[in-house]
Amino acid sequence: MPQGELTTRIKVLATTGVMLALLLAALDQTIVGTALPRIVAELNGLDRYSWLITGYLVASTVVVPIAGKLGDLFGRKPFIIAGMIGFVAASALCGLSQDMNQLIVFRIVQGLFGGTLFASAFAVLGDIYTPAERARIQGLFGAVFGLSSIVGPVVGGFLTDNLGWRWVFYVNLPVGLLGVLVVAAFLPFVRTRASWRDIDFVGSATLAAGLIPMLIALSVAKDQGWTSFEVLGLLAFGAAMLIAFFLIEQRVKEPIVPFALFKNRVFAVSVLVGFFAALGMFGMIIFVPLETQGVLGVSVTNSGLLLTPMMLGLIVSSVLTGQLIPRIKHYHYIGTIGLGLVMIGLYLMAQTTTSTSQTSITIDIVLVGLGLGVTMPLYINAVQSALPQRYLGVGTSQIQFWRNVGGTVSSAVLGSILAQRLPGAISAQVAKVNLPPAFKNVMGSSASNPNALLDPARIAAAKAKLPAQLAPLFDQAMHAVRQALALTLHDVFVISVVLTAGALVISLFMPDIPLRSRRPQQQAGGEDLPTAAVG
């Protein structure tokens, strides 16, 4: 059905179905994260804990650009439906897992279908809405991520405590099935003339062969070491495969990644902003709980609650940005302002010490959330307005893809910096306390295993072993540990500020694409791609 013939009712119902698909994938990540410790304990899989996260992340990242291109070729409706059905089926299998290996395999399968949903959900808006309408709806889609971050941990904790961890997977079934029914009934199917012969099988295989080892290397670098044979070997092999992928894509008719798109200034700027912003902002998401629990001594529950204001800020700014984009001529500066808010919030968080109040850090977190919410709808909408219709899925999925890659790189690099600097900082700070010999056995492992000292249960157990008269000295030592963590996290957050500054500078080169009317549906093959959009 052509876009102009869609009634408001059909658009609303179709959008509701797609939002359910997006909520399904976004909510799963936050719900499962809450239950991971309980899962690992029951399945005796602490040694494979990281693979539950890494497997899902790698699978979803790899499939995003492939699913985006296939959606352009064959229409997005079948991929959204297949993504939801596959995601629900994989969720059921995760809930039925009897050991850690089974769960890891099923999480990888779940990641493949989750990546398909992420690649298709935002792109489908371009099929049923004009650019001006799309900007407003994308603000709501961005709010879905914030909502999932607020609701997910609460639902995950409730299900885990009352029904068992398997229900964090089973809860996906009713949401997914409802989404399938709504999408199947109301989302229009955009027919194309593509056939299976247009699928770039060789390019898809080469892209996967390049991304998988590189993402795995980045994920395990913190534990294995950046100079280890395993990490360097995976990085080298992945780089070779990606070079081969680049060469292959120059020769095929329908490339998975049309590199000519990077000649388009809107696309290039949006991708680079997404990558560098993820480099800076992902570190904040990872390390805020460590800062609140380790430096401020906040409980795990209250630490999670501190993230709620950030997500509320994200929801508000995401919705407002969607409303402002069509009304402001030079709307790309909104993104610059958003990145500036993120930088200010990250810089203020770098100043956190053991005496910082929870109110102060909450304000800092809200600033970051407001900035995050601005960037989510803006750059996707700009890319969808700048590219021809046939590249809608590719362009949209590339933004998501590079955000995922930036987050993976950030997690690996900033995590390694923290792991390398923290033991030395703890040793230096504890040494200033001038502990008597009685403390040697208690504090001797601080440099090699600082996590043990930051575990409330272990702290209480260690303190209980000491004579009562030594308790004040123990408290001083623990204060020194928290100071060391604050100093180390200061460096991490400052690096995040610098990386986000890179995104801010790049955002200044974004031209303004008119959004009030649909662009002509150019049948671009490469030479007719807009190389720059001057606003």
Protein backbone atom coordinates (compact mmCIF):
# COMPACT_ATOMS: atom_id res chain seq x y z
CA MET A 1 0.00 0.00 0.00
CA PRO A 2 1.51 3.36 -0.94
CA GLN A 3 2.38 5.60 1.90
CA GLY A 4 -0.14 8.27 0.95
CA GLU A 5 -3.04 5.79 1.15
CA LEU A 6 -2.37 4.71 4.72
CA THR A 7 -5.02 5.89 7.15
CA THR A 8 -4.08 7.36 10.51
CA ARG A 9 -5.54 4.29 12.23
CA ILE A 10 -3.38 1.91 10.20
CA LYS A 11 -0.27 4.00 10.88
CA VAL A 12 -0.94 4.04 14.62
CA LEU A 13 -1.55 0.29 14.79
CA ALA A 14 1.45 -0.51 12.59
CA THR A 15 3.66 1.76 14.71
CA THR A 16 2.39 0.09 17.88
CA GLY A 17 3.39 -3.31 16.51
CA VAL A 18 6.87 -2.11 15.56
CA MET A 19 7.30 -0.47 18.98
CA LEU A 20 6.40 -3.81 20.59
CA ALA A 21 9.16 -5.41 18.50
CA LEU A 22 11.66 -2.79 19.62
CA LEU A 23 10.51 -3.04 23.23
CA LEU A 24 10.92 -6.82 23.06
CA ALA A 25 14.59 -6.57 22.11
CA ALA A 26 15.44 -3.58 24.32
CA LEU A 27 13.63 -4.87 27.41
CA ASP A 28 15.27 -8.28 27.20
CA GLN A 29 18.76 -6.89 27.71
CA THR A 30 17.91 -5.02 30.91
CA ILE A 31 15.71 -7.78 32.37
CA VAL A 32 18.29 -10.51 31.77
CA GLY A 33 21.11 -8.37 33.18
CA THR A 34 19.43 -8.34 36.59
CA ALA A 35 19.15 -12.14 36.67
CA LEU A 36 22.67 -13.00 35.46
CA PRO A 37 24.22 -13.55 38.92
CA ARG A 38 21.41 -15.94 39.88
CA ILE A 39 21.67 -17.75 36.54
CA VAL A 40 25.41 -18.22 36.88
CA ALA A 41 25.03 -19.50 40.44
CA GLU A 42 22.38 -22.10 39.51
CA LEU A 43 24.10 -23.34 36.35
CA ASN A 44 27.62 -23.26 37.87
CA GLY A 45 28.94 -21.15 35.04
CA LEU A 46 30.97 -18.35 36.59
CA ASP A 47 33.91 -19.19 34.32
CA ARG A 48 31.69 -18.55 31.26
CA TYR A 49 29.81 -15.56 32.68
CA SER A 50 31.18 -13.07 30.14
CA TRP A 51 30.11 -15.22 27.21
CA LEU A 52 26.44 -14.71 28.05
CA ILE A 53 27.00 -11.03 27.32
CA THR A 54 29.65 -11.31 24.62
CA GLY A 55 27.79 -13.94 22.60
CA TYR A 56 24.60 -11.89 22.42
CA LEU A 57 26.46 -8.65 21.65
CA VAL A 58 28.59 -10.15 18.87
CA ALA A 59 25.65 -11.93 17.22
CA SER A 60 23.37 -8.88 17.26
CA THR A 61 26.10 -6.53 16.01
CA VAL A 62 27.11 -8.78 13.10
CA VAL A 63 23.56 -9.30 11.84
CA VAL A 64 22.50 -5.62 11.94
CA PRO A 65 24.06 -4.48 8.60
CA ILE A 66 23.05 -7.71 6.87
CA ALA A 67 19.44 -7.50 8.04
CA GLY A 68 19.32 -3.82 7.11
CA LYS A 69 20.34 -4.56 3.52
CA LEU A 70 17.99 -7.53 3.18
CA GLY A 71 15.14 -5.35 4.41
CA ASP A 72 15.88 -2.89 1.60
CA LEU A 73 15.83 -5.73 -0.93
CA PHE A 74 12.79 -7.72 0.20
CA GLY A 75 10.81 -5.37 2.43
CA ARG A 76 11.03 -4.98 6.19
CA LYS A 77 7.77 -6.60 7.27
CA PRO A 78 8.90 -10.23 6.84
CA PHE A 79 12.12 -9.52 8.75
CA ILE A 80 10.33 -7.87 11.67
CA ILE A 81 7.92 -10.82 11.89
CA ALA A 82 10.72 -13.38 11.52
CA GLY A 83 12.79 -11.45 14.05
CA MET A 84 10.04 -11.49 16.66
CA ILE A 85 9.16 -15.16 16.10
CA GLY A 86 12.81 -16.19 16.25
CA PHE A 87 13.44 -14.01 19.30
CA VAL A 88 10.48 -15.49 21.15
CA ALA A 89 11.50 -19.06 20.24
CA ALA A 90 15.08 -18.42 21.35
CA SER A 91 13.76 -16.91 24.61
CA ALA A 92 11.79 -20.08 25.31
CA LEU A 93 14.90 -22.18 24.66
CA CYS A 94 16.95 -19.93 26.99
CA GLY A 95 14.38 -20.52 29.73
CA LEU A 96 14.59 -24.28 29.18
CA SER A 97 18.40 -24.40 29.26
CA GLN A 98 19.83 -27.08 31.54
CA ASP A 99 23.46 -25.94 31.58
CA MET A 100 25.58 -22.90 30.82
CA ASN A 101 26.68 -24.05 27.37
CA GLN A 102 23.09 -24.45 26.21
CA LEU A 103 22.18 -21.02 27.51
CA ILE A 104 25.14 -19.39 25.74
CA VAL A 105 24.20 -21.00 22.42
CA PHE A 106 20.56 -19.94 22.73
CA ARG A 107 21.57 -16.40 23.73
CA ILE A 108 23.66 -16.20 20.55
CA VAL A 109 20.62 -17.27 18.52
CA GLN A 110 18.56 -14.70 20.41
CA GLY A 111 21.15 -12.06 19.54
CA LEU A 112 20.83 -12.83 15.83
CA PHE A 113 17.10 -12.19 15.90
CA GLY A 114 17.52 -9.21 18.25
CA GLY A 115 19.89 -7.59 15.74
CA THR A 116 17.31 -8.21 13.01
CA LEU A 117 14.71 -6.32 15.05
CA PHE A 118 17.02 -3.38 15.75
CA ALA A 119 17.97 -3.13 12.07
CA SER A 120 14.35 -3.15 10.90
CA ALA A 121 12.39 -1.23 13.54
CA PHE A 122 13.75 2.27 12.88
CA ALA A 123 13.98 1.78 9.11
CA VAL A 124 10.33 0.79 8.76
CA LEU A 125 9.28 4.28 9.81
CA GLY A 126 10.62 5.54 6.50
CA ASP A 127 8.14 3.31 4.67
CA ILE A 128 5.00 4.67 6.33
CA TYR A 129 5.79 8.24 7.45
CA THR A 130 6.94 11.45 5.81
CA PRO A 131 10.20 12.89 7.16
CA ALA A 132 8.43 15.49 9.31
CA GLU A 133 6.14 12.86 10.84
CA ARG A 134 9.02 10.42 11.17
CA ALA A 135 11.03 12.79 13.37
CA ARG A 136 8.25 12.88 15.96
CA ILE A 137 7.73 9.12 15.97
CA GLN A 138 11.44 8.39 16.24
CA GLY A 139 11.51 10.45 19.41
CA LEU A 140 8.99 7.99 20.85
CA PHE A 141 11.08 5.07 19.63
CA GLY A 142 14.10 6.51 21.39
CA ALA A 143 12.02 6.73 24.54
CA VAL A 144 11.41 2.98 24.33
CA PHE A 145 15.07 2.41 25.20
CA GLY A 146 14.80 4.65 28.23
CA LEU A 147 11.60 2.98 29.36
CA SER A 148 13.15 -0.47 29.03
CA SER A 149 16.10 0.64 31.17
CA ILE A 150 13.74 1.76 33.94
CA VAL A 151 11.24 -1.09 33.82
CA GLY A 152 13.66 -3.89 32.94
CA PRO A 153 15.68 -4.11 36.17
CA VAL A 154 12.53 -3.88 38.30
CA VAL A 155 10.70 -6.58 36.35
CA GLY A 156 13.83 -8.73 36.16
CA GLY A 157 14.37 -8.54 39.90
CA PHE A 158 10.74 -9.31 40.69
CA LEU A 159 10.59 -12.31 38.34
CA THR A 160 13.92 -13.68 39.55
CA ASP A 161 13.01 -13.41 43.23
CA ASN A 162 9.43 -14.66 42.97
CA LEU A 163 9.16 -16.98 39.96
CA GLY A 164 12.77 -17.89 39.17
CA TRP A 165 15.29 -16.66 36.60
CA ARG A 166 13.77 -18.69 33.75
CA TRP A 167 10.80 -16.32 33.73
CA VAL A 168 12.99 -13.41 32.62
CA PHE A 169 13.01 -15.25 29.28
CA TYR A 170 9.45 -16.59 29.34
CA VAL A 171 8.07 -13.06 29.81
CA ASN A 172 9.12 -12.32 26.21
CA LEU A 173 6.57 -14.79 24.87
CA PRO A 174 3.32 -12.80 25.36
CA VAL A 175 4.95 -9.51 24.30
CA GLY A 176 6.43 -11.08 21.19
CA LEU A 177 3.30 -12.94 20.15
CA LEU A 178 1.18 -9.79 20.54
CA GLY A 179 3.70 -7.87 18.46
CA VAL A 180 3.66 -10.52 15.71
CA LEU A 181 -0.13 -10.39 15.46
CA VAL A 182 -0.26 -6.59 15.29
CA VAL A 183 2.58 -6.28 12.75
CA ALA A 184 1.17 -9.08 10.57
CA ALA A 185 -2.26 -7.47 10.53
CA PHE A 186 -1.45 -3.79 10.09
CA LEU A 187 2.12 -3.13 8.87
CA PRO A 188 2.03 -2.64 5.09
CA PHE A 189 4.34 -4.78 2.99
CA VAL A 190 6.47 -2.81 0.54
CA ARG A 191 6.99 -5.13 -2.44
CA THR A 192 10.22 -5.12 -4.41
CA ARG A 193 11.54 -6.83 -7.52
CA ALA A 194 14.57 -8.30 -5.76
CA SER A 195 15.30 -12.04 -5.85
CA TRP A 196 17.61 -14.34 -3.93
CA ARG A 197 20.21 -13.77 -6.68
CA ASP A 198 20.59 -10.19 -5.42
CA ILE A 199 21.75 -11.34 -1.98
CA ASP A 200 25.44 -10.74 -1.39
CA PHE A 201 26.23 -14.14 0.15
CA VAL A 202 30.00 -13.83 -0.18
CA GLY A 203 30.00 -10.33 1.27
CA SER A 204 27.79 -11.40 4.18
CA ALA A 205 30.06 -14.34 5.00
CA THR A 206 33.21 -12.22 4.77
CA LEU A 207 31.70 -9.48 6.93
CA ALA A 208 30.78 -12.02 9.60
CA ALA A 209 34.23 -13.63 9.37
CA GLY A 210 35.79 -10.22 9.97
CA LEU A 211 33.51 -8.86 12.67
CA ILE A 212 33.13 -11.95 14.87
CA PRO A 213 36.84 -12.42 15.72
CA MET A 214 37.41 -8.69 16.15
CA LEU A 215 34.46 -8.23 18.50
CA ILE A 216 35.44 -11.32 20.49
CA ALA A 217 39.01 -10.01 20.74
CA LEU A 218 37.80 -6.65 22.03
CA SER A 219 35.49 -8.36 24.52
CA VAL A 220 38.19 -10.63 26.01
CA ALA A 221 41.12 -8.21 25.76
CA LYS A 222 40.64 -7.02 29.35
CA ASP A 223 41.10 -10.56 30.68
CA GLN A 224 43.57 -11.97 28.14
CA GLY A 225 45.69 -8.85 27.69
CA TRP A 226 45.99 -6.70 24.57
CA THR A 227 49.34 -8.22 23.60
CA SER A 228 48.31 -11.84 24.07
CA PHE A 229 48.54 -14.20 21.11
CA GLU A 230 44.80 -14.86 21.20
CA VAL A 231 43.79 -11.20 21.03
CA LEU A 232 46.37 -10.17 18.43
CA GLY A 233 45.61 -13.24 16.31
CA LEU A 234 41.87 -12.57 16.33
CA LEU A 235 42.38 -8.88 15.53
CA ALA A 236 44.75 -9.67 12.65
CA PHE A 237 42.45 -12.29 11.14
CA GLY A 238 39.41 -10.03 11.52
CA ALA A 239 41.22 -7.10 9.90
CA ALA A 240 42.25 -9.28 6.94
CA MET A 241 38.66 -10.44 6.44
CA LEU A 242 37.32 -6.89 6.61
CA ILE A 243 39.83 -5.77 3.96
CA ALA A 244 38.62 -8.65 1.79
CA PHE A 245 35.03 -7.56 2.50
CA PHE A 246 35.80 -4.03 1.34
CA LEU A 247 37.26 -5.30 -1.93
CA ILE A 248 34.33 -7.66 -2.53
CA GLU A 249 31.78 -4.90 -1.95
CA GLN A 250 33.27 -2.86 -4.79
CA ARG A 251 32.35 -5.57 -7.31
CA VAL A 252 28.86 -6.81 -6.37
CA LYS A 253 25.56 -5.43 -7.65
CA GLU A 254 23.83 -5.13 -4.25
CA PRO A 255 26.55 -4.73 -1.60
CA ILE A 256 25.74 -5.24 2.07
CA VAL A 257 27.50 -1.94 2.78
CA PRO A 258 27.52 0.44 -0.24
CA PHE A 259 30.69 2.36 0.59
CA ALA A 260 29.56 5.11 -1.77
CA LEU A 261 27.22 6.13 1.04
CA PHE A 262 30.19 7.54 2.92
CA LYS A 263 30.45 10.21 0.21
CA ASN A 264 27.19 11.56 1.55
CA ARG A 265 28.12 14.07 4.23
CA VAL A 266 24.99 13.54 6.30
CA PHE A 267 25.55 9.80 6.41
CA ALA A 268 29.28 10.04 7.12
CA VAL A 269 28.84 12.59 9.91
CA SER A 270 25.98 10.64 11.50
CA VAL A 271 27.94 7.39 11.51
CA LEU A 272 31.05 9.03 12.96
CA VAL A 273 29.06 10.88 15.61
CA GLY A 274 27.36 7.61 16.59
CA PHE A 275 30.69 5.79 16.84
CA PHE A 276 32.53 8.43 18.89
CA ALA A 277 29.51 9.19 21.06
CA ALA A 278 29.22 5.48 21.89
CA LEU A 279 32.92 5.42 22.72
CA GLY A 280 32.37 8.11 25.33
CA MET A 281 28.87 7.39 26.60
CA PHE A 282 29.09 3.63 26.91
CA GLY A 283 31.83 4.04 29.49
CA MET A 284 29.48 6.11 31.61
CA ILE A 285 26.77 3.44 31.51
CA ILE A 286 29.25 0.75 32.54
CA PHE A 287 31.07 2.59 35.29
CA VAL A 288 28.31 4.61 36.99
CA PRO A 289 27.20 1.59 39.09
CA LEU A 290 30.84 0.98 40.06
CA GLU A 291 31.22 4.61 41.08
CA THR A 292 28.01 4.75 43.11
CA GLN A 293 28.57 1.42 44.84
CA GLY A 294 32.35 1.47 45.17
CA VAL A 295 33.06 5.15 45.81
CA LEU A 296 29.86 6.34 47.52
CA GLY A 297 29.04 3.05 49.21
CA VAL A 298 25.49 3.00 47.83
CA SER A 299 23.67 -0.34 47.93
CA VAL A 300 23.08 -2.29 44.73
CA THR A 301 19.35 -1.52 44.84
CA ASN A 302 19.82 2.21 45.36
CA SER A 303 22.57 2.26 42.73
CA GLY A 304 20.07 0.97 40.19
CA LEU A 305 17.54 3.57 41.28
CA LEU A 306 20.09 6.33 40.65
CA LEU A 307 20.04 5.43 36.94
CA THR A 308 16.28 5.98 36.77
CA PRO A 309 16.53 9.81 36.57
CA MET A 310 18.98 9.45 33.67
CA MET A 311 16.50 7.34 31.74
CA LEU A 312 13.65 9.72 32.54
CA GLY A 313 15.79 12.54 31.16
CA LEU A 314 16.50 10.43 28.08
CA ILE A 315 12.79 9.81 27.49
CA VAL A 316 11.84 13.48 27.89
CA SER A 317 14.60 14.84 25.65
CA SER A 318 14.07 12.13 23.02
CA VAL A 319 10.37 12.96 22.69
CA LEU A 320 11.00 16.74 22.69
CA THR A 321 13.76 16.41 20.08
CA GLY A 322 11.41 14.53 17.79
CA GLN A 323 8.96 17.44 18.08
CA LEU A 324 11.61 20.14 17.56
CA ILE A 325 13.42 18.73 14.51
CA PRO A 326 10.70 19.60 11.95
CA ARG A 327 10.24 23.08 13.45
CA ILE A 328 13.87 24.27 13.46
CA LYS A 329 15.73 25.12 10.26
CA HIS A 330 19.25 24.46 11.56
CA TYR A 331 18.19 21.46 13.62
CA HIS A 332 21.58 19.75 13.50
CA TYR A 333 22.80 22.08 16.26
CA ILE A 334 20.38 20.28 18.59
CA GLY A 335 22.69 17.27 18.34
CA THR A 336 25.70 19.44 19.17
CA ILE A 337 23.91 20.78 22.23
CA GLY A 338 23.00 17.25 23.30
CA LEU A 339 26.59 16.08 23.04
CA GLY A 340 27.64 19.15 25.02
CA LEU A 341 25.27 18.14 27.82
CA VAL A 342 26.77 14.66 27.82
CA MET A 343 30.29 16.12 28.10
CA ILE A 344 29.28 18.35 31.02
CA GLY A 345 27.64 15.43 32.82
CA LEU A 346 30.66 13.16 32.27
CA TYR A 347 33.07 15.87 33.43
CA LEU A 348 31.08 16.47 36.61
CA MET A 349 31.01 12.74 37.28
CA ALA A 350 34.80 12.69 36.95
CA GLN A 351 34.92 15.00 39.98
CA THR A 352 33.12 12.47 42.21
CA THR A 353 34.85 11.73 45.52
CA THR A 354 33.94 9.76 48.62
CA SER A 355 32.24 12.90 50.00
CA THR A 356 30.07 13.58 46.94
CA SER A 357 26.35 13.50 47.70
CA GLN A 358 23.88 11.23 45.90
CA THR A 359 21.92 14.32 44.87
CA SER A 360 24.96 15.75 43.11
CA ILE A 361 25.69 12.60 41.13
CA THR A 362 22.00 12.27 40.25
CA ILE A 363 22.11 15.72 38.63
CA ASP A 364 25.20 14.69 36.66
CA ILE A 365 23.48 11.52 35.48
CA VAL A 366 20.36 13.45 34.42
CA LEU A 367 22.50 15.75 32.25
CA VAL A 368 23.95 12.73 30.47
CA GLY A 369 20.47 11.28 29.99
CA LEU A 370 19.16 14.51 28.49
CA GLY A 371 22.05 14.60 26.03
CA LEU A 372 21.65 10.95 25.11
CA GLY A 373 17.97 11.41 24.35
CA VAL A 374 18.71 14.24 21.93
CA THR A 375 21.15 12.25 19.79
CA MET A 376 19.05 9.10 19.36
CA PRO A 377 16.27 10.36 17.01
CA LEU A 378 18.15 13.21 15.35
CA TYR A 379 20.84 11.41 13.37
CA ILE A 380 18.66 8.50 12.29
CA ASN A 381 16.06 10.91 10.94
CA ALA A 382 18.70 13.00 9.16
CA VAL A 383 20.14 9.93 7.43
CA GLN A 384 16.73 8.67 6.38
CA SER A 385 15.96 12.08 4.87
CA ALA A 386 19.32 12.35 3.10
CA LEU A 387 19.44 8.94 1.41
CA PRO A 388 17.33 7.51 -1.42
CA GLN A 389 14.54 5.17 -0.36
CA ARG A 390 16.37 2.04 -1.55
CA TYR A 391 19.13 2.69 1.01
CA LEU A 392 16.82 3.38 3.94
CA GLY A 393 17.55 0.11 5.76
CA VAL A 394 21.26 0.18 5.03
CA GLY A 395 21.67 3.75 6.25
CA THR A 396 19.63 3.23 9.41
CA SER A 397 21.30 -0.07 10.31
CA GLN A 398 24.77 1.40 9.81
CA ILE A 399 24.15 3.97 12.55
CA GLN A 400 23.08 1.21 14.94
CA PHE A 401 26.00 -0.96 13.83
CA TRP A 402 28.66 1.68 14.47
CA ARG A 403 27.10 2.53 17.82
CA ASN A 404 27.41 -1.14 18.80
CA VAL A 405 31.02 -1.26 17.63
CA GLY A 406 31.82 1.94 19.52
CA GLY A 407 30.25 0.51 22.66
CA THR A 408 32.26 -2.70 22.35
CA VAL A 409 35.53 -0.83 21.81
CA SER A 410 34.74 1.51 24.70
CA SER A 411 33.98 -1.38 27.05
CA ALA A 412 37.24 -3.10 26.16
CA VAL A 413 39.55 -0.09 26.21
CA LEU A 414 38.13 1.73 29.24
CA GLY A 415 37.77 -1.54 31.12
CA SER A 416 41.44 -2.32 30.47
CA ILE A 417 42.50 1.13 31.65
CA LEU A 418 40.53 0.66 34.86
CA ALA A 419 41.93 -2.83 35.44
CA GLN A 420 45.51 -1.69 34.88
CA ARG A 421 45.44 1.48 36.99
CA LEU A 422 43.21 0.48 39.89
CA PRO A 423 45.55 -1.96 41.70
CA GLY A 424 48.41 0.55 41.76
CA ALA A 425 46.11 3.34 42.90
CA ILE A 426 44.76 1.16 45.74
CA SER A 427 48.26 0.22 46.88
CA ALA A 428 49.34 3.88 46.89
CA GLN A 429 46.30 5.11 48.79
CA VAL A 430 46.35 2.28 51.35
CA ALA A 431 50.05 2.87 51.97
CA LYS A 432 49.26 6.42 53.09
CA VAL A 433 47.18 5.04 55.97
CA ASN A 434 50.32 3.49 57.57
CA LEU A 435 48.64 0.24 58.52
CA PRO A 436 50.17 -1.81 61.37
CA PRO A 437 51.39 -5.39 60.69
CA ALA A 438 48.06 -6.81 61.87
CA PHE A 439 46.49 -5.58 58.65
CA LYS A 440 48.88 -7.26 56.24
CA ASN A 441 46.82 -10.39 55.79
CA VAL A 442 43.62 -8.37 55.29
CA MET A 443 44.95 -5.76 52.88
CA GLY A 444 47.63 -7.82 51.18
CA SER A 445 45.35 -8.89 48.31
CA SER A 446 44.04 -5.42 47.59
CA ALA A 447 46.30 -4.78 44.64
CA SER A 448 45.56 -8.09 42.92
CA ASN A 449 41.89 -8.47 43.84
CA PRO A 450 40.32 -5.08 44.59
CA ASN A 451 36.83 -6.43 43.83
CA ALA A 452 36.99 -8.51 47.00
CA LEU A 453 37.46 -5.37 49.09
CA LEU A 454 34.55 -3.67 47.34
CA ASP A 455 32.17 -6.55 48.06
CA PRO A 456 30.09 -5.56 51.13
CA ALA A 457 29.87 -9.17 52.36
CA ARG A 458 33.63 -9.64 52.19
CA ILE A 459 34.25 -6.28 53.76
CA ALA A 460 32.01 -7.18 56.70
CA ALA A 461 33.63 -10.60 57.04
CA ALA A 462 37.14 -9.13 57.00
CA LYS A 463 36.22 -6.49 59.53
CA ALA A 464 34.61 -9.06 61.83
CA LYS A 465 37.90 -10.99 62.07
CA LEU A 466 39.68 -7.98 63.57
CA PRO A 467 39.77 -6.92 67.21
CA ALA A 468 37.31 -4.14 68.00
CA GLN A 469 40.11 -1.63 68.65
CA LEU A 470 41.36 -2.07 65.08
CA ALA A 471 38.00 -1.38 63.47
CA PRO A 472 38.65 2.39 63.01
CA LEU A 473 41.88 1.62 61.15
CA PHE A 474 40.04 -0.82 58.93
CA ASP A 475 37.49 1.88 58.10
CA GLN A 476 40.34 4.23 57.19
CA ALA A 477 41.80 1.58 54.92
CA MET A 478 38.48 1.05 53.16
CA HIS A 479 38.14 4.81 52.75
CA ALA A 480 41.53 4.77 51.05
CA VAL A 481 40.33 2.01 48.70
CA ARG A 482 37.31 4.08 47.74
CA GLN A 483 39.51 7.12 47.16
CA ALA A 484 41.71 5.04 44.86
CA LEU A 485 38.67 3.90 42.89
CA ALA A 486 37.45 7.50 42.61
CA LEU A 487 40.84 8.63 41.28
CA THR A 488 40.92 5.82 38.72
CA LEU A 489 37.36 6.45 37.58
CA HIS A 490 38.24 10.15 37.28
CA ASP A 491 40.73 9.23 34.55
CA VAL A 492 38.19 6.95 32.84
CA PHE A 493 35.49 9.63 32.79
CA VAL A 494 37.94 12.28 31.53
CA ILE A 495 38.82 9.99 28.63
CA SER A 496 35.09 9.60 27.98
CA VAL A 497 34.77 13.40 27.87
CA VAL A 498 37.56 13.62 25.28
CA LEU A 499 35.98 10.90 23.11
CA THR A 500 32.59 12.60 23.30
CA ALA A 501 34.27 15.88 22.36
CA GLY A 502 35.31 14.16 19.13
CA ALA A 503 31.65 13.44 18.41
CA LEU A 504 30.73 17.06 19.21
CA VAL A 505 33.33 18.47 16.79
CA ILE A 506 32.19 16.10 14.03
CA SER A 507 28.54 17.09 14.62
CA LEU A 508 29.38 20.68 13.58
CA PHE A 509 29.89 19.45 10.01
CA MET A 510 26.35 18.08 9.74
CA PRO A 511 24.30 19.88 7.08
CA ASP A 512 20.57 20.46 7.52
CA ILE A 513 18.36 18.27 5.33
CA PRO A 514 14.82 19.60 4.73
CA LEU A 515 12.30 17.37 6.50
CA ARG A 516 8.94 18.90 5.66
CA SER A 517 8.36 16.95 2.48
CA ARG A 518 9.44 13.57 1.21
CA ARG A 519 12.55 13.57 -0.93
CA PRO A 520 12.20 12.21 -4.47
CA GLN A 521 12.61 8.44 -4.58
CA GLN A 522 15.90 8.32 -6.40
CA GLN A 523 16.91 5.01 -7.87
CA ALA A 524 20.47 5.28 -6.76
CA GLY A 525 23.08 2.89 -7.92
CA GLY A 526 26.06 4.77 -6.60
CA GLU A 527 26.59 7.71 -8.93
CA ASP A 528 23.23 9.25 -8.05
CA LEU A 529 23.85 9.21 -4.32
CA PRO A 530 23.89 12.74 -2.87
CA THR A 531 27.53 13.38 -2.01
CA ALA A 532 26.74 16.29 0.27
CA ALA A 533 23.74 18.10 1.52
CA VAL A 534 24.25 21.78 2.03
CA GLY A 535 21.91 23.39 4.51
